[in-house]
């Protein structure tokens, strides 16, 4: 087991194999590869990618940003040059995969247009709730790709800018990251309530 757990790639592969065992069980019960199976697959992808995305958002806001002032200056380059760029890669692509899989899932479930219209045409509280969650997530995705990441590239020195621009970009990225943290709280409630309350 240590052989598996000392390698992230091997850990992920074994996790995937165990997940595929569930697929085998699903089909052994006589289920078909149909729209219901696709709904399960895309819900799984959506939740997995969402955990990566929001987990990293919370890591940045609950751990990295508050603790950066406590890190000695000579150790900060390790965060800015190694850890933050790697975390931001998973952060960006977690957001992208969450958005795409969520749109596909909403389409497969037949509520994409109604949810985007906030269920107004149908007076459907479930689609209104999921639609609010979707719109909040779309705003958050936009912030990640078009505000946070471009500013982080400047703040981390991936793109060379002046010291003043670097400081301004770091503050902008932080403020939009905090905005996403704020929006994530009602977004998650909207998503969960749509599945369980209405």
Protein backbone atom coordinates (compact mmCIF):
# COMPACT_ATOMS: atom_id res chain seq x y z
CA UNK A 1 0.00 0.00 0.00
CA UNK A 2 2.90 2.37 0.70
CA UNK A 3 3.96 1.81 -2.93
CA UNK A 4 0.63 3.31 -4.03
CA UNK A 5 0.35 6.08 -1.47
CA UNK A 6 3.85 7.52 -1.97
CA UNK A 7 2.93 8.47 -5.55
CA UNK A 8 0.09 10.86 -6.32
CA UNK A 9 -0.36 9.38 -9.80
CA UNK A 10 -0.60 5.83 -8.44
CA UNK A 11 -3.00 6.98 -5.73
CA UNK A 12 -5.24 8.58 -8.35
CA UNK A 13 -5.09 5.52 -10.62
CA UNK A 14 -6.08 3.18 -7.78
CA UNK A 15 -8.89 5.56 -6.81
CA UNK A 16 -10.09 5.49 -10.43
CA UNK A 17 -9.93 1.69 -10.51
CA UNK A 18 -12.01 1.48 -7.34
CA UNK A 19 -14.51 3.89 -8.89
CA UNK A 20 -14.69 1.71 -12.02
CA UNK A 21 -15.65 -1.18 -9.75
CA UNK A 22 -18.81 0.77 -8.98
CA UNK A 23 -19.49 0.98 -12.71
CA UNK A 24 -19.18 -2.78 -12.93
CA UNK A 25 -21.63 -3.16 -10.06
CA UNK A 26 -24.02 -0.66 -11.70
CA UNK A 27 -24.08 -2.67 -14.94
CA UNK A 28 -24.28 -6.00 -13.09
CA UNK A 29 -27.67 -4.84 -11.77
CA UNK A 30 -28.98 -4.77 -15.35
CA UNK A 31 -28.64 -1.02 -15.88
CA UNK A 32 -27.88 0.30 -19.34
CA UNK A 33 -25.46 2.85 -20.70
CA UNK A 34 -28.21 5.44 -21.08
CA UNK A 35 -28.97 9.04 -20.20
CA UNK A 36 -29.31 8.12 -16.51
CA UNK A 37 -25.82 6.66 -16.50
CA UNK A 38 -24.51 9.80 -18.23
CA UNK A 39 -26.22 11.91 -15.55
CA UNK A 40 -24.35 9.94 -12.88
CA UNK A 41 -21.04 10.33 -14.71
CA UNK A 42 -21.39 14.07 -15.24
CA UNK A 43 -22.68 14.66 -11.70
CA UNK A 44 -19.60 12.79 -10.43
CA UNK A 45 -17.26 14.84 -12.64
CA UNK A 46 -19.06 18.04 -11.61
CA UNK A 47 -18.79 17.31 -7.88
CA UNK A 48 -15.16 16.09 -8.12
CA UNK A 49 -14.04 19.16 -10.09
CA UNK A 50 -16.08 21.42 -7.80
CA UNK A 51 -14.31 20.01 -4.76
CA UNK A 52 -10.95 20.73 -6.39
CA UNK A 53 -12.02 24.26 -7.36
CA UNK A 54 -13.72 25.33 -4.14
CA UNK A 55 -11.22 23.42 -2.00
CA UNK A 56 -8.39 25.44 -3.51
CA UNK A 57 -10.40 28.66 -3.22
CA UNK A 58 -10.76 27.97 0.49
CA UNK A 59 -7.09 26.98 0.77
CA UNK A 60 -6.06 30.33 -0.69
CA UNK A 61 -8.46 32.32 1.50
CA UNK A 62 -8.33 30.36 4.76
CA UNK A 63 -4.67 29.29 4.74
CA UNK A 64 -2.31 30.92 2.23
CA UNK A 65 -3.41 34.58 2.22
CA UNK A 66 -3.77 34.95 6.02
CA UNK A 67 -0.45 33.21 6.69
CA UNK A 68 1.74 34.90 4.06
CA UNK A 69 2.67 37.78 6.43
CA UNK A 70 3.94 35.17 8.96
CA UNK A 71 6.32 33.56 6.46
CA UNK A 72 9.90 34.90 6.53
CA UNK A 73 10.81 36.84 3.38
CA UNK A 74 13.50 34.35 2.36
CA UNK A 75 10.90 31.52 2.31
CA UNK A 76 8.20 33.39 0.36
CA UNK A 77 9.69 32.59 -3.09
CA UNK A 78 8.88 28.91 -2.48
CA UNK A 79 5.21 29.83 -2.19
CA UNK A 80 5.19 32.33 -5.07
CA UNK A 81 7.32 30.35 -7.52
CA UNK A 82 6.35 26.75 -6.75
CA UNK A 83 3.23 26.20 -4.65
CA UNK A 84 0.96 29.04 -5.82
CA UNK A 85 1.44 28.46 -9.59
CA UNK A 86 0.73 24.73 -9.19
CA UNK A 87 -2.32 25.40 -7.02
CA UNK A 88 -3.58 28.03 -9.48
CA UNK A 89 -3.33 25.54 -12.36
CA UNK A 90 -5.64 23.08 -10.57
CA UNK A 91 -7.79 26.01 -9.39
CA UNK A 92 -8.35 27.31 -12.95
CA UNK A 93 -9.00 23.95 -14.53
CA UNK A 94 -11.16 22.81 -11.62
CA UNK A 95 -13.32 25.88 -12.31
CA UNK A 96 -13.45 25.15 -16.05
CA UNK A 97 -14.35 21.47 -15.65
CA UNK A 98 -16.93 22.31 -12.97
CA UNK A 99 -18.62 24.81 -15.28
CA UNK A 100 -18.60 22.58 -18.37
CA UNK A 101 -19.75 19.45 -16.55
CA UNK A 102 -22.47 21.45 -14.76
CA UNK A 103 -23.83 22.77 -18.05
CA UNK A 104 -23.80 19.26 -19.55
CA UNK A 105 -25.47 17.87 -16.42
CA UNK A 106 -28.20 20.54 -16.49
CA UNK A 107 -28.81 19.73 -20.17
CA UNK A 108 -28.97 15.96 -19.53
CA UNK A 109 -31.44 16.59 -16.69
CA UNK A 110 -33.56 18.81 -18.94
CA UNK A 111 -33.43 22.01 -16.89
CA UNK A 112 -30.57 23.99 -18.44
CA UNK A 113 -32.66 26.71 -20.13
CA UNK A 114 -35.18 26.93 -17.29
CA UNK A 115 -32.41 27.24 -14.70
CA UNK A 116 -30.57 29.91 -16.68
CA UNK A 117 -33.90 31.79 -16.83
CA UNK A 118 -34.20 31.22 -13.06
CA UNK A 119 -37.27 29.02 -13.51
CA UNK A 120 -39.39 32.12 -14.13
CA UNK A 121 -41.33 30.70 -17.09
CA UNK A 122 -42.26 27.58 -15.16
CA UNK A 123 -42.58 28.96 -11.61
CA UNK A 124 -40.32 26.11 -10.59
CA UNK A 125 -38.53 26.80 -7.26
CA UNK A 126 -36.05 23.98 -7.87
CA UNK A 127 -34.95 25.47 -11.19
CA UNK A 128 -34.89 28.94 -9.66
CA UNK A 129 -32.57 27.72 -6.89
CA UNK A 130 -30.28 25.77 -9.21
CA UNK A 131 -30.32 28.72 -11.63
CA UNK A 132 -29.19 31.13 -8.91
CA UNK A 133 -26.41 28.68 -8.07
CA UNK A 134 -25.45 28.39 -11.73
CA UNK A 135 -25.30 32.16 -12.24
CA UNK A 136 -23.19 32.62 -9.11
CA UNK A 137 -20.86 29.85 -10.32
CA UNK A 138 -20.61 31.46 -13.77
CA UNK A 139 -19.63 34.78 -12.16
CA UNK A 140 -17.06 32.95 -10.02
CA UNK A 141 -15.68 31.11 -13.09
CA UNK A 142 -15.40 34.43 -14.94
CA UNK A 143 -13.53 35.93 -11.98
CA UNK A 144 -11.09 33.00 -11.95
CA UNK A 145 -10.24 33.10 -15.64
CA UNK A 146 -10.48 36.79 -16.45
CA UNK A 147 -9.55 38.60 -13.24
CA UNK A 148 -7.79 36.37 -10.68
CA UNK A 149 -5.50 34.43 -13.05
CA UNK A 150 -4.36 37.42 -15.17
CA UNK A 151 -3.59 39.37 -11.99
CA UNK A 152 -1.89 36.41 -10.30
CA UNK A 153 0.43 36.04 -13.29
CA UNK A 154 1.60 39.59 -12.63
CA UNK A 155 1.70 39.21 -8.84
CA UNK A 156 3.75 36.00 -9.03
CA UNK A 157 6.17 37.37 -11.62
CA UNK A 158 5.07 35.00 -14.39
CA UNK A 159 4.54 38.20 -16.39
CA UNK A 160 7.12 40.89 -15.67
CA UNK A 161 5.62 44.15 -14.43
CA UNK A 162 6.72 46.99 -12.19
CA UNK A 163 6.69 46.60 -8.41
CA UNK A 164 3.66 48.91 -8.19
CA UNK A 165 1.75 46.90 -10.80
CA UNK A 166 2.71 43.69 -9.01
CA UNK A 167 1.32 45.00 -5.70
CA UNK A 168 -1.86 46.29 -7.37
CA UNK A 169 -2.37 42.98 -9.17
CA UNK A 170 -1.85 41.00 -5.95
CA UNK A 171 -4.50 43.11 -4.20
CA UNK A 172 -6.94 42.78 -7.12
CA UNK A 173 -6.48 39.00 -7.24
CA UNK A 174 -7.02 38.78 -3.48
CA UNK A 175 -10.17 40.91 -3.56
CA UNK A 176 -11.72 38.86 -6.36
CA UNK A 177 -10.70 35.66 -4.62
CA UNK A 178 -12.50 36.94 -1.52
CA UNK A 179 -15.47 37.85 -3.73
CA UNK A 180 -15.57 34.25 -4.95
CA UNK A 181 -15.38 33.00 -1.36
CA UNK A 182 -18.34 35.23 -0.49
CA UNK A 183 -20.32 34.03 -3.54
CA UNK A 184 -19.46 30.37 -2.90
CA UNK A 185 -21.50 30.33 0.32
CA UNK A 186 -24.91 31.13 -1.27
CA UNK A 187 -23.90 29.24 -4.43
CA UNK A 188 -23.36 26.01 -2.50
CA UNK A 189 -26.62 26.51 -0.61
CA UNK A 190 -28.51 27.09 -3.88
CA UNK A 191 -27.06 23.90 -5.39
CA UNK A 192 -27.77 21.76 -2.33
CA UNK A 193 -31.23 23.20 -1.67
CA UNK A 194 -32.28 22.66 -5.28
CA UNK A 195 -31.60 18.94 -4.85
CA UNK A 196 -33.13 18.52 -1.41
CA UNK A 197 -35.57 21.25 -0.35
CA UNK A 198 -37.79 22.20 -3.27
